[in-house]
Amino acid sequence: MKVCLLGPVVTSSYYGGVAVFDEELAQGFVDNGWEAVLVTSQKDAVKKDIPLFIATKSEMSEFLNKENPDLIIASLAYARLLPRKNLAKVAYFLHGFFLQSYYGPLKSILASTYQKWLIRRCDYVFANSYFTAMINKEFFGIKADEVFQLGVSNEFLRNSENCDEIAKIPNSIIFAGRLVKAKGVEALIKAVRFLHKEGVPHTLYIAGDGPEREYIERFAKENSLNIILLGRLDSGEMIKWYKKTEVFVSLNPSEPFGIVFPEALICGCKIVCPLTGGQVEYLMDYKESVSFVNENDEKSIAYGLKKMLQSGNSTVSIENCKARFNYKRVALEMIKYIGEK
């Protein structure tokens, strides 16, 4: 059996979550005994461990006739490359949704309308969480046939195993993300001020950069807060900081899936996160090591942080997380679903 992954791949100029998804899912299918091929329109794509074809729309029919895949999984606007006549089953994967607050009203409507047009030529629609599926159905009229929760990359799993000897810094919290109000960073540092006033031992490490950096530095200095800005970290450095810190916090209330949360779990972190978002669906299984908070309420965030800081070591089985959050499992679930259909 053969699968074709149609979408972006990682290049020297592009490193996006969907690109990682395509490459990792392709490897997941290979690990389950399938053949896999990556297809993209990125002209700067380079050779991969999985066979790679750089295609234009006019070349897709010939390519598919030659490769004769049993299944095509298309992401983003790459489904536009599909020919009108195609014998393979096609699944379109929903990685998120077009929020008006982020994309603006016009682009949100146009993008979702275009996506609906692309999906018309697909046999199935998959989503990365029930949250993603619900938003697309209720707001954009796009119905998902099945949900497949994602995994972390094999590279992350390998690199995390190489950092097993790193000890946790007592009473440590880490936030990672772009330093903008939309990420909840302002609410977070105000929550840390509550911890400071209550005398709760803590240090907040902030990984990332952005327009709010100066405000954070000034606020921390004015309120004598234990906040250390780490700047931007690459993936290897981020793993080390996951390993070093006790509590990971992320406050995006509309996270479609939230790959950072499984990454943090695998590195032994406890978690503070919003009550909404795709992460709630799987983090409920680890609720003794997770605190769900109102991301708009600084006191709620502060209580969640305090609860996790004072709850002892994470009770989550790292081996269980590795077995659950990997792409071999994702691919196997897709294989079973397609087989049953």
C-alpha atoms as a PDB file:
ATOM      1  CA  MET A   1       0.000   0.000   0.000  1.00  0.00           C
ATOM      2  CA  LYS A   2       1.195   3.504  -0.771  1.00  0.00           C
ATOM      3  CA  VAL A   3       0.333   6.939   0.630  1.00  0.00           C
ATOM      4  CA  CYS A   4       1.070  10.343  -0.874  1.00  0.00           C
ATOM      5  CA  LEU A   5       1.449  13.303   1.534  1.00  0.00           C
ATOM      6  CA  LEU A   6       0.582  16.469  -0.370  1.00  0.00           C
ATOM      7  CA  GLY A   7       1.668  19.625   1.437  1.00  0.00           C
ATOM      8  CA  PRO A   8       4.647  21.660   2.667  1.00  0.00           C
ATOM      9  CA  VAL A   9       7.920  20.138   3.848  1.00  0.00           C
ATOM     10  CA  VAL A  10      10.725  21.521   5.978  1.00  0.00           C
ATOM     11  CA  THR A  11      13.207  23.591   3.971  1.00  0.00           C
ATOM     12  CA  SER A  12      16.020  26.004   4.773  1.00  0.00           C
ATOM     13  CA  SER A  13      13.489  28.859   4.598  1.00  0.00           C
ATOM     14  CA  TYR A  14      10.363  27.167   5.984  1.00  0.00           C
ATOM     15  CA  TYR A  15       9.824  25.293   9.230  1.00  0.00           C
ATOM     16  CA  GLY A  16       6.128  25.076  10.005  1.00  0.00           C
ATOM     17  CA  GLY A  17       3.985  22.709  12.004  1.00  0.00           C
ATOM     18  CA  VAL A  18       2.244  21.348   8.900  1.00  0.00           C
ATOM     19  CA  ALA A  19       5.596  20.634   7.245  1.00  0.00           C
ATOM     20  CA  VAL A  20       6.683  18.632  10.282  1.00  0.00           C
ATOM     21  CA  PHE A  21       3.300  16.859  10.223  1.00  0.00           C
ATOM     22  CA  ASP A  22       3.754  15.806   6.585  1.00  0.00           C
ATOM     23  CA  GLU A  23       7.237  14.417   7.074  1.00  0.00           C
ATOM     24  CA  GLU A  24       6.493  12.699  10.375  1.00  0.00           C
ATOM     25  CA  LEU A  25       3.216  11.167   9.185  1.00  0.00           C
ATOM     26  CA  ALA A  26       4.946   9.871   6.052  1.00  0.00           C
ATOM     27  CA  GLN A  27       7.517   8.150   8.285  1.00  0.00           C
ATOM     28  CA  GLY A  28       4.671   6.847  10.462  1.00  0.00           C
ATOM     29  CA  PHE A  29       3.149   5.108   7.455  1.00  0.00           C
ATOM     30  CA  VAL A  30       6.540   3.637   6.523  1.00  0.00           C
ATOM     31  CA  ASP A  31       6.905   2.345  10.091  1.00  0.00           C
ATOM     32  CA  ASN A  32       3.580   0.551   9.572  1.00  0.00           C
ATOM     33  CA  GLY A  33       4.781  -1.165   6.416  1.00  0.00           C
ATOM     34  CA  TRP A  34       3.432   1.239   3.793  1.00  0.00           C
ATOM     35  CA  GLU A  35       5.299   3.040   1.040  1.00  0.00           C
ATOM     36  CA  ALA A  36       5.168   6.825   1.308  1.00  0.00           C
ATOM     37  CA  VAL A  37       6.024   9.749  -0.928  1.00  0.00           C
ATOM     38  CA  LEU A  38       6.036  13.477  -0.157  1.00  0.00           C
ATOM     39  CA  VAL A  39       4.705  15.868  -2.782  1.00  0.00           C
ATOM     40  CA  THR A  40       5.127  19.644  -2.559  1.00  0.00           C
ATOM     41  CA  SER A  41       5.259  22.704  -4.773  1.00  0.00           C
ATOM     42  CA  GLN A  42       8.143  24.271  -2.791  1.00  0.00           C
ATOM     43  CA  LYS A  43      10.940  24.840  -5.260  1.00  0.00           C
ATOM     44  CA  ASP A  44      13.576  24.994  -2.515  1.00  0.00           C
ATOM     45  CA  ALA A  45      12.638  21.576  -1.087  1.00  0.00           C
ATOM     46  CA  VAL A  46      15.622  19.259  -0.700  1.00  0.00           C
ATOM     47  CA  LYS A  47      16.049  15.483  -0.636  1.00  0.00           C
ATOM     48  CA  LYS A  48      14.445  13.703   2.318  1.00  0.00           C
ATOM     49  CA  ASP A  49      14.650  10.243   3.823  1.00  0.00           C
ATOM     50  CA  ILE A  50      11.160   9.758   2.358  1.00  0.00           C
ATOM     51  CA  PRO A  51      10.960  10.037  -1.485  1.00  0.00           C
ATOM     52  CA  LEU A  52      10.112  13.624  -2.466  1.00  0.00           C
ATOM     53  CA  PHE A  53       8.553  15.020  -5.638  1.00  0.00           C
ATOM     54  CA  ILE A  54       8.337  18.756  -6.422  1.00  0.00           C
ATOM     55  CA  ALA A  55       5.249  19.144  -8.576  1.00  0.00           C
ATOM     56  CA  THR A  56       3.234  21.720 -10.464  1.00  0.00           C
ATOM     57  CA  LYS A  57      -0.473  21.249 -11.075  1.00  0.00           C
ATOM     58  CA  SER A  58       0.152  20.207 -14.669  1.00  0.00           C
ATOM     59  CA  GLU A  59       2.510  17.445 -13.518  1.00  0.00           C
ATOM     60  CA  MET A  60       0.269  15.908 -10.868  1.00  0.00           C
ATOM     61  CA  SER A  61      -1.811  13.654 -13.144  1.00  0.00           C
ATOM     62  CA  GLU A  62       1.265  12.064 -14.660  1.00  0.00           C
ATOM     63  CA  PHE A  63       2.867  11.707 -11.240  1.00  0.00           C
ATOM     64  CA  LEU A  64      -0.178  10.017  -9.692  1.00  0.00           C
ATOM     65  CA  ASN A  65      -0.578   7.680 -12.672  1.00  0.00           C
ATOM     66  CA  LYS A  66       3.034   6.654 -12.251  1.00  0.00           C
ATOM     67  CA  GLU A  67       3.026   6.284  -8.456  1.00  0.00           C
ATOM     68  CA  ASN A  68      -0.541   4.923  -8.210  1.00  0.00           C
ATOM     69  CA  PRO A  69      -1.005   5.669  -4.470  1.00  0.00           C
ATOM     70  CA  ASP A  70      -3.849   4.077  -2.515  1.00  0.00           C
ATOM     71  CA  LEU A  71      -4.309   7.175  -0.353  1.00  0.00           C
ATOM     72  CA  ILE A  72      -3.521  10.880  -0.676  1.00  0.00           C
ATOM     73  CA  ILE A  73      -3.488  13.129   2.398  1.00  0.00           C
ATOM     74  CA  ALA A  74      -3.623  16.808   1.463  1.00  0.00           C
ATOM     75  CA  SER A  75      -2.993  19.802   3.713  1.00  0.00           C
ATOM     76  CA  LEU A  76      -3.653  23.530   3.350  1.00  0.00           C
ATOM     77  CA  ALA A  77      -4.064  24.889  -0.177  1.00  0.00           C
ATOM     78  CA  TYR A  78      -1.920  22.099  -1.638  1.00  0.00           C
ATOM     79  CA  ALA A  79      -5.126  20.215  -2.471  1.00  0.00           C
ATOM     80  CA  ARG A  80      -5.368  22.594  -5.431  1.00  0.00           C
ATOM     81  CA  LEU A  81      -2.731  20.465  -7.166  1.00  0.00           C
ATOM     82  CA  LEU A  82      -5.058  17.471  -7.316  1.00  0.00           C
ATOM     83  CA  PRO A  83      -6.289  16.613 -10.814  1.00  0.00           C
ATOM     84  CA  ARG A  84     -10.003  16.333 -11.545  1.00  0.00           C
ATOM     85  CA  LYS A  85      -9.733  12.627 -12.249  1.00  0.00           C
ATOM     86  CA  ASN A  86      -7.952  10.640  -9.584  1.00  0.00           C
ATOM     87  CA  LEU A  87      -8.351   6.981  -8.646  1.00  0.00           C
ATOM     88  CA  ALA A  88      -6.813   7.240  -5.169  1.00  0.00           C
ATOM     89  CA  LYS A  89      -8.814   8.003  -2.040  1.00  0.00           C
ATOM     90  CA  VAL A  90      -8.138  11.554  -0.855  1.00  0.00           C
ATOM     91  CA  ALA A  91      -8.255  12.834   2.734  1.00  0.00           C
ATOM     92  CA  TYR A  92      -8.044  16.540   3.512  1.00  0.00           C
ATOM     93  CA  PHE A  93      -6.506  17.317   6.915  1.00  0.00           C
ATOM     94  CA  LEU A  94      -7.761  20.273   8.959  1.00  0.00           C
ATOM     95  CA  HIS A  95      -4.903  21.651  11.052  1.00  0.00           C
ATOM     96  CA  GLY A  96      -6.871  24.538  12.540  1.00  0.00           C
ATOM     97  CA  PHE A  97      -9.300  27.275  11.578  1.00  0.00           C
ATOM     98  CA  PHE A  98      -9.344  30.843  10.272  1.00  0.00           C
ATOM     99  CA  LEU A  99     -10.082  33.009  13.304  1.00  0.00           C
ATOM    100  CA  GLN A 100     -11.409  36.473  12.482  1.00  0.00           C
ATOM    101  CA  SER A 101      -9.469  37.924  15.420  1.00  0.00           C
ATOM    102  CA  TYR A 102      -6.210  36.718  13.850  1.00  0.00           C
ATOM    103  CA  TYR A 103      -6.824  36.796  10.079  1.00  0.00           C
ATOM    104  CA  GLY A 104      -9.425  39.577   9.928  1.00  0.00           C
ATOM    105  CA  PRO A 105     -13.077  39.174   8.842  1.00  0.00           C
ATOM    106  CA  LEU A 106     -12.537  39.261   5.071  1.00  0.00           C
ATOM    107  CA  LYS A 107      -9.558  36.900   4.903  1.00  0.00           C
ATOM    108  CA  SER A 108     -11.224  34.518   7.341  1.00  0.00           C
ATOM    109  CA  ILE A 109     -14.343  34.251   5.162  1.00  0.00           C
ATOM    110  CA  LEU A 110     -12.437  34.017   1.871  1.00  0.00           C
ATOM    111  CA  ALA A 111      -9.953  31.442   3.163  1.00  0.00           C
ATOM    112  CA  SER A 112     -12.639  29.180   4.624  1.00  0.00           C
ATOM    113  CA  THR A 113     -14.694  29.450   1.416  1.00  0.00           C
ATOM    114  CA  TYR A 114     -11.655  28.450  -0.643  1.00  0.00           C
ATOM    115  CA  GLN A 115     -10.992  25.571   1.753  1.00  0.00           C
ATOM    116  CA  LYS A 116     -14.574  24.325   1.294  1.00  0.00           C
ATOM    117  CA  TRP A 117     -14.036  24.374  -2.464  1.00  0.00           C
ATOM    118  CA  LEU A 118     -10.838  22.345  -2.105  1.00  0.00           C
ATOM    119  CA  ILE A 119     -12.552  19.769   0.098  1.00  0.00           C
ATOM    120  CA  ARG A 120     -15.193  19.072  -2.569  1.00  0.00           C
ATOM    121  CA  ARG A 121     -12.672  16.923  -4.431  1.00  0.00           C
ATOM    122  CA  CYS A 122     -11.750  14.887  -1.305  1.00  0.00           C
ATOM    123  CA  ASP A 123     -13.291  11.655   0.000  1.00  0.00           C
ATOM    124  CA  TYR A 124     -12.624  12.307   3.676  1.00  0.00           C
ATOM    125  CA  VAL A 125     -11.954  15.248   5.969  1.00  0.00           C
ATOM    126  CA  PHE A 126      -9.792  14.688   9.047  1.00  0.00           C
ATOM    127  CA  ALA A 127      -9.084  17.035  11.965  1.00  0.00           C
ATOM    128  CA  ASN A 128      -6.391  17.195  14.637  1.00  0.00           C
ATOM    129  CA  SER A 129      -8.859  17.634  17.523  1.00  0.00           C
ATOM    130  CA  TYR A 130     -12.579  17.682  18.271  1.00  0.00           C
ATOM    131  CA  PHE A 131     -12.136  21.375  18.999  1.00  0.00           C
ATOM    132  CA  THR A 132     -10.823  21.953  15.464  1.00  0.00           C
ATOM    133  CA  ALA A 133     -13.649  19.836  14.085  1.00  0.00           C
ATOM    134  CA  MET A 134     -16.284  21.759  16.046  1.00  0.00           C
ATOM    135  CA  ILE A 135     -15.019  25.218  15.031  1.00  0.00           C
ATOM    136  CA  ASN A 136     -14.886  24.246  11.358  1.00  0.00           C
ATOM    137  CA  LYS A 137     -18.348  22.702  11.416  1.00  0.00           C
ATOM    138  CA  GLU A 138     -20.213  25.308  13.462  1.00  0.00           C
ATOM    139  CA  PHE A 139     -18.553  28.448  12.091  1.00  0.00           C
ATOM    140  CA  PHE A 140     -17.507  27.495   8.564  1.00  0.00           C
ATOM    141  CA  GLY A 141     -19.787  24.611   7.599  1.00  0.00           C
ATOM    142  CA  ILE A 142     -16.898  22.163   7.124  1.00  0.00           C
ATOM    143  CA  LYS A 143     -17.632  18.743   8.629  1.00  0.00           C
ATOM    144  CA  ALA A 144     -14.804  16.432   9.652  1.00  0.00           C
ATOM    145  CA  ASP A 145     -15.301  12.681   9.252  1.00  0.00           C
ATOM    146  CA  GLU A 146     -12.759  11.694  11.896  1.00  0.00           C
ATOM    147  CA  VAL A 147     -10.318  13.141  14.425  1.00  0.00           C
ATOM    148  CA  PHE A 148      -6.689  12.019  14.679  1.00  0.00           C
ATOM    149  CA  GLN A 149      -4.705  13.555  17.518  1.00  0.00           C
ATOM    150  CA  LEU A 150      -1.099  14.268  16.604  1.00  0.00           C
ATOM    151  CA  GLY A 151       2.274  13.078  17.825  1.00  0.00           C
ATOM    152  CA  VAL A 152       5.593  14.753  18.519  1.00  0.00           C
ATOM    153  CA  SER A 153       8.400  14.411  16.022  1.00  0.00           C
ATOM    154  CA  ASN A 154      10.876  11.532  16.090  1.00  0.00           C
ATOM    155  CA  GLU A 155      13.649  14.114  16.317  1.00  0.00           C
ATOM    156  CA  PHE A 156      12.096  15.527  19.481  1.00  0.00           C
ATOM    157  CA  LEU A 157      11.777  12.049  21.000  1.00  0.00           C
ATOM    158  CA  ARG A 158      15.423  11.244  20.220  1.00  0.00           C
ATOM    159  CA  ASN A 159      16.736  14.551  21.509  1.00  0.00           C
ATOM    160  CA  SER A 160      14.658  14.379  24.689  1.00  0.00           C
ATOM    161  CA  GLU A 161      16.194  10.998  25.506  1.00  0.00           C
ATOM    162  CA  ASN A 162      19.669  12.551  25.236  1.00  0.00           C
ATOM    163  CA  CYS A 163      18.756  15.056  27.964  1.00  0.00           C
ATOM    164  CA  ASP A 164      17.533  12.614  30.616  1.00  0.00           C
ATOM    165  CA  GLU A 165      20.270  13.580  33.101  1.00  0.00           C
ATOM    166  CA  ILE A 166      19.152  17.229  33.401  1.00  0.00           C
ATOM    167  CA  ALA A 167      17.794  18.027  36.869  1.00  0.00           C
ATOM    168  CA  LYS A 168      14.721  20.179  37.461  1.00  0.00           C
ATOM    169  CA  ILE A 169      15.245  23.686  38.846  1.00  0.00           C
ATOM    170  CA  PRO A 170      13.131  23.923  42.027  1.00  0.00           C
ATOM    171  CA  ASN A 171      10.010  26.124  41.782  1.00  0.00           C
ATOM    172  CA  SER A 172      10.587  26.875  38.097  1.00  0.00           C
ATOM    173  CA  ILE A 173       8.027  27.868  35.459  1.00  0.00           C
ATOM    174  CA  ILE A 174       8.585  28.220  31.731  1.00  0.00           C
ATOM    175  CA  PHE A 175       6.587  30.040  29.084  1.00  0.00           C
ATOM    176  CA  ALA A 176       7.483  29.709  25.397  1.00  0.00           C
ATOM    177  CA  GLY A 177       6.046  31.737  22.555  1.00  0.00           C
ATOM    178  CA  ARG A 178       6.003  35.042  20.767  1.00  0.00           C
ATOM    179  CA  LEU A 179       5.852  37.892  23.259  1.00  0.00           C
ATOM    180  CA  VAL A 180       2.535  39.463  22.254  1.00  0.00           C
ATOM    181  CA  LYS A 181      -0.638  40.142  24.214  1.00  0.00           C
ATOM    182  CA  ALA A 182      -2.534  37.545  22.166  1.00  0.00           C
ATOM    183  CA  LYS A 183      -0.351  34.835  23.713  1.00  0.00           C
ATOM    184  CA  GLY A 184      -1.406  35.868  27.228  1.00  0.00           C
ATOM    185  CA  VAL A 185       2.045  36.969  28.316  1.00  0.00           C
ATOM    186  CA  GLU A 186       0.741  40.134  30.000  1.00  0.00           C
ATOM    187  CA  ALA A 187      -1.792  38.159  32.047  1.00  0.00           C
ATOM    188  CA  LEU A 188       0.948  35.688  32.953  1.00  0.00           C
ATOM    189  CA  ILE A 189       3.372  38.215  34.419  1.00  0.00           C
ATOM    190  CA  LYS A 190       0.532  39.835  36.360  1.00  0.00           C
ATOM    191  CA  ALA A 191      -0.296  36.383  37.729  1.00  0.00           C
ATOM    192  CA  VAL A 192       3.332  36.009  38.765  1.00  0.00           C
ATOM    193  CA  ARG A 193       2.946  39.252  40.704  1.00  0.00           C
ATOM    194  CA  PHE A 194       0.250  37.506  42.765  1.00  0.00           C
ATOM    195  CA  LEU A 195       2.685  34.658  43.521  1.00  0.00           C
ATOM    196  CA  HIS A 196       5.270  37.213  44.589  1.00  0.00           C
ATOM    197  CA  LYS A 197       2.842  38.967  46.934  1.00  0.00           C
ATOM    198  CA  GLU A 198       1.818  35.641  48.490  1.00  0.00           C
ATOM    199  CA  GLY A 199       5.425  34.612  49.027  1.00  0.00           C
ATOM    200  CA  VAL A 200       5.174  31.537  46.796  1.00  0.00           C
ATOM    201  CA  PRO A 201       8.721  30.537  45.760  1.00  0.00           C
ATOM    202  CA  HIS A 202       9.055  30.659  41.979  1.00  0.00           C
ATOM    203  CA  THR A 203      11.103  31.765  38.988  1.00  0.00           C
ATOM    204  CA  LEU A 204       9.472  32.383  35.621  1.00  0.00           C
ATOM    205  CA  TYR A 205      11.613  31.725  32.549  1.00  0.00           C
ATOM    206  CA  ILE A 206      10.307  33.223  29.304  1.00  0.00           C
ATOM    207  CA  ALA A 207      11.513  31.791  25.999  1.00  0.00           C
ATOM    208  CA  GLY A 208      10.750  33.912  22.953  1.00  0.00           C
ATOM    209  CA  ASP A 209      10.849  37.456  21.691  1.00  0.00           C
ATOM    210  CA  GLY A 210       8.426  40.081  20.469  1.00  0.00           C
ATOM    211  CA  PRO A 211       7.003  43.566  20.996  1.00  0.00           C
ATOM    212  CA  GLU A 212       6.037  42.915  24.637  1.00  0.00           C
ATOM    213  CA  ARG A 213       9.606  42.214  25.733  1.00  0.00           C
ATOM    214  CA  GLU A 214      10.336  45.777  26.939  1.00  0.00           C
ATOM    215  CA  TYR A 215       7.042  45.887  28.828  1.00  0.00           C
ATOM    216  CA  ILE A 216       7.858  42.591  30.554  1.00  0.00           C
ATOM    217  CA  GLU A 217      11.334  43.795  31.541  1.00  0.00           C
ATOM    218  CA  ARG A 218       9.952  47.045  32.919  1.00  0.00           C
ATOM    219  CA  PHE A 219       7.068  45.364  34.768  1.00  0.00           C
ATOM    220  CA  ALA A 220       9.394  42.755  36.295  1.00  0.00           C
ATOM    221  CA  LYS A 221      11.814  45.435  37.493  1.00  0.00           C
ATOM    222  CA  GLU A 222       9.092  47.690  38.928  1.00  0.00           C
ATOM    223  CA  ASN A 223       7.528  44.797  40.860  1.00  0.00           C
ATOM    224  CA  SER A 224      10.786  42.985  41.801  1.00  0.00           C
ATOM    225  CA  LEU A 225       9.623  39.781  40.087  1.00  0.00           C
ATOM    226  CA  ASN A 226      11.689  36.656  39.479  1.00  0.00           C
ATOM    227  CA  ILE A 227      11.415  36.706  35.693  1.00  0.00           C
ATOM    228  CA  ILE A 228      14.268  35.699  33.413  1.00  0.00           C
ATOM    229  CA  LEU A 229      13.988  36.295  29.657  1.00  0.00           C
ATOM    230  CA  LEU A 230      15.821  33.645  27.655  1.00  0.00           C
ATOM    231  CA  GLY A 231      15.235  35.089  24.180  1.00  0.00           C
ATOM    232  CA  ARG A 232      14.548  32.851  21.223  1.00  0.00           C
ATOM    233  CA  LEU A 233      15.541  29.217  21.645  1.00  0.00           C
ATOM    234  CA  ASP A 234      16.067  26.609  18.957  1.00  0.00           C
ATOM    235  CA  SER A 235      14.398  23.204  19.303  1.00  0.00           C
ATOM    236  CA  GLY A 236      17.388  21.605  21.035  1.00  0.00           C
ATOM    237  CA  GLU A 237      17.649  24.422  23.590  1.00  0.00           C
ATOM    238  CA  MET A 238      13.895  24.292  24.156  1.00  0.00           C
ATOM    239  CA  ILE A 239      14.062  20.602  25.045  1.00  0.00           C
ATOM    240  CA  LYS A 240      16.706  21.364  27.663  1.00  0.00           C
ATOM    241  CA  TRP A 241      14.505  24.040  29.198  1.00  0.00           C
ATOM    242  CA  TYR A 242      11.499  21.739  29.233  1.00  0.00           C
ATOM    243  CA  LYS A 243      13.730  19.295  31.098  1.00  0.00           C
ATOM    244  CA  LYS A 244      15.055  21.951  33.491  1.00  0.00           C
ATOM    245  CA  THR A 245      11.717  23.389  34.573  1.00  0.00           C
ATOM    246  CA  GLU A 246       8.864  22.021  36.670  1.00  0.00           C
ATOM    247  CA  VAL A 247       5.834  23.781  35.174  1.00  0.00           C
ATOM    248  CA  PHE A 248       5.107  24.638  31.558  1.00  0.00           C
ATOM    249  CA  VAL A 249       2.488  27.332  30.907  1.00  0.00           C
ATOM    250  CA  SER A 250       0.784  28.306  27.651  1.00  0.00           C
ATOM    251  CA  LEU A 251      -2.302  30.510  27.539  1.00  0.00           C
ATOM    252  CA  ASN A 252      -3.659  30.448  23.970  1.00  0.00           C
ATOM    253  CA  PRO A 253      -7.422  29.757  24.391  1.00  0.00           C
ATOM    254  CA  SER A 254      -7.903  28.687  20.761  1.00  0.00           C
ATOM    255  CA  GLU A 255      -5.095  26.165  20.302  1.00  0.00           C
ATOM    256  CA  PRO A 256      -6.230  23.705  17.586  1.00  0.00           C
ATOM    257  CA  PHE A 257      -4.154  20.868  19.085  1.00  0.00           C
ATOM    258  CA  GLY A 258      -1.178  22.280  20.986  1.00  0.00           C
ATOM    259  CA  ILE A 259       1.878  20.134  20.237  1.00  0.00           C
ATOM    260  CA  VAL A 260       3.849  21.975  22.944  1.00  0.00           C
ATOM    261  CA  PHE A 261       1.810  20.222  25.631  1.00  0.00           C
ATOM    262  CA  PRO A 262       2.769  16.619  24.706  1.00  0.00           C
ATOM    263  CA  GLU A 263       6.351  17.847  24.327  1.00  0.00           C
ATOM    264  CA  ALA A 264       6.255  19.266  27.858  1.00  0.00           C
ATOM    265  CA  LEU A 265       4.691  16.074  29.253  1.00  0.00           C
ATOM    266  CA  ILE A 266       7.405  13.938  27.665  1.00  0.00           C
ATOM    267  CA  CYS A 267      10.007  16.138  29.363  1.00  0.00           C
ATOM    268  CA  GLY A 268       8.416  15.667  32.793  1.00  0.00           C
ATOM    269  CA  CYS A 269       6.706  19.046  33.093  1.00  0.00           C
ATOM    270  CA  LYS A 270       3.466  19.773  34.867  1.00  0.00           C
ATOM    271  CA  ILE A 271       1.170  22.040  32.870  1.00  0.00           C
ATOM    272  CA  VAL A 272      -0.953  25.161  33.237  1.00  0.00           C
ATOM    273  CA  CYS A 273      -3.261  25.832  30.282  1.00  0.00           C
ATOM    274  CA  PRO A 274      -6.632  27.390  29.345  1.00  0.00           C
ATOM    275  CA  LEU A 275      -9.989  25.678  29.801  1.00  0.00           C
ATOM    276  CA  THR A 276     -10.544  25.793  26.040  1.00  0.00           C
ATOM    277  CA  GLY A 277      -8.516  24.490  23.111  1.00  0.00           C
ATOM    278  CA  GLY A 278      -7.700  21.139  21.567  1.00  0.00           C
ATOM    279  CA  GLN A 279      -5.263  20.276  24.375  1.00  0.00           C
ATOM    280  CA  VAL A 280      -8.121  19.833  26.869  1.00  0.00           C
ATOM    281  CA  GLU A 281      -9.190  16.622  25.084  1.00  0.00           C
ATOM    282  CA  TYR A 282      -6.037  14.732  25.970  1.00  0.00           C
ATOM    283  CA  LEU A 283      -4.712  16.627  28.992  1.00  0.00           C
ATOM    284  CA  MET A 284      -7.819  15.583  30.942  1.00  0.00           C
ATOM    285  CA  ASP A 285      -6.183  12.138  31.054  1.00  0.00           C
ATOM    286  CA  TYR A 286      -3.301  13.657  33.059  1.00  0.00           C
ATOM    287  CA  LYS A 287      -5.317  16.065  35.203  1.00  0.00           C
ATOM    288  CA  GLU A 288      -3.344  15.396  38.395  1.00  0.00           C
ATOM    289  CA  SER A 289      -0.392  17.098  36.701  1.00  0.00           C
ATOM    290  CA  VAL A 290      -2.402  19.741  34.837  1.00  0.00           C
ATOM    291  CA  SER A 291      -4.188  22.877  36.003  1.00  0.00           C
ATOM    292  CA  PHE A 292      -6.870  24.312  33.701  1.00  0.00           C
ATOM    293  CA  VAL A 293      -7.297  28.064  34.164  1.00  0.00           C
ATOM    294  CA  ASN A 294      -9.227  31.071  32.902  1.00  0.00           C
ATOM    295  CA  GLU A 295      -6.561  32.726  30.766  1.00  0.00           C
ATOM    296  CA  ASN A 296      -8.262  36.109  31.155  1.00  0.00           C
ATOM    297  CA  ASP A 297      -8.143  36.031  34.967  1.00  0.00           C
ATOM    298  CA  GLU A 298      -4.735  36.689  36.526  1.00  0.00           C
ATOM    299  CA  LYS A 299      -5.830  35.211  39.853  1.00  0.00           C
ATOM    300  CA  SER A 300      -6.986  32.016  38.151  1.00  0.00           C
ATOM    301  CA  ILE A 301      -3.611  31.734  36.398  1.00  0.00           C
ATOM    302  CA  ALA A 302      -1.793  32.435  39.666  1.00  0.00           C
ATOM    303  CA  TYR A 303      -3.814  29.746  41.463  1.00  0.00           C
ATOM    304  CA  GLY A 304      -3.041  27.239  38.719  1.00  0.00           C
ATOM    305  CA  LEU A 305       0.668  28.006  38.877  1.00  0.00           C
ATOM    306  CA  LYS A 306       0.690  27.780  42.677  1.00  0.00           C
ATOM    307  CA  LYS A 307      -1.188  24.481  42.601  1.00  0.00           C
ATOM    308  CA  MET A 308       1.292  22.931  40.179  1.00  0.00           C
ATOM    309  CA  LEU A 309       4.366  24.327  41.939  1.00  0.00           C
ATOM    310  CA  GLN A 310       3.199  22.813  45.225  1.00  0.00           C
ATOM    311  CA  SER A 311       1.939  19.473  43.854  1.00  0.00           C
ATOM    312  CA  GLY A 312       5.221  17.567  43.873  1.00  0.00           C
ATOM    313  CA  ASN A 313       6.687  15.780  40.869  1.00  0.00           C
ATOM    314  CA  SER A 314       4.654  15.074  37.755  1.00  0.00           C
ATOM    315  CA  THR A 315       2.742  11.798  38.041  1.00  0.00           C
ATOM    316  CA  VAL A 316       2.585  11.355  34.258  1.00  0.00           C
ATOM    317  CA  SER A 317       4.263   8.279  32.794  1.00  0.00           C
ATOM    318  CA  ILE A 318       6.750   9.545  30.227  1.00  0.00           C
ATOM    319  CA  GLU A 319       6.830   6.146  28.525  1.00  0.00           C
ATOM    320  CA  ASN A 320       3.040   6.231  28.247  1.00  0.00           C
ATOM    321  CA  CYS A 321       3.247   9.645  26.603  1.00  0.00           C
ATOM    322  CA  LYS A 322       5.889   8.490  24.140  1.00  0.00           C
ATOM    323  CA  ALA A 323       3.720   5.528  23.180  1.00  0.00           C
ATOM    324  CA  ARG A 324       0.684   7.765  22.757  1.00  0.00           C
ATOM    325  CA  PHE A 325       2.076  10.875  21.106  1.00  0.00           C
ATOM    326  CA  ASN A 326       3.949   9.495  18.111  1.00  0.00           C
ATOM    327  CA  TYR A 327       3.239   9.360  14.400  1.00  0.00           C
ATOM    328  CA  LYS A 328       3.419   5.592  14.031  1.00  0.00           C
ATOM    329  CA  ARG A 329       0.253   5.512  16.164  1.00  0.00           C
ATOM    330  CA  VAL A 330      -1.335   8.342  14.117  1.00  0.00           C
ATOM    331  CA  ALA A 331      -0.657   6.534  10.838  1.00  0.00           C
ATOM    332  CA  LEU A 332      -1.939   3.215  12.203  1.00  0.00           C
ATOM    333  CA  GLU A 333      -5.223   4.818  13.258  1.00  0.00           C
ATOM    334  CA  MET A 334      -5.624   6.296   9.762  1.00  0.00           C
ATOM    335  CA  ILE A 335      -4.856   2.948   8.145  1.00  0.00           C
ATOM    336  CA  LYS A 336      -7.518   1.255  10.262  1.00  0.00           C
ATOM    337  CA  TYR A 337     -10.068   3.975   9.505  1.00  0.00           C
ATOM    338  CA  ILE A 338      -9.508   3.840   5.739  1.00  0.00           C
ATOM    339  CA  GLY A 339      -9.552   0.029   5.846  1.00  0.00           C
ATOM    340  CA  GLU A 340     -12.920   0.000   7.560  1.00  0.00           C
ATOM    341  CA  LYS A 341     -14.356   2.354   4.929  1.00  0.00           C
END
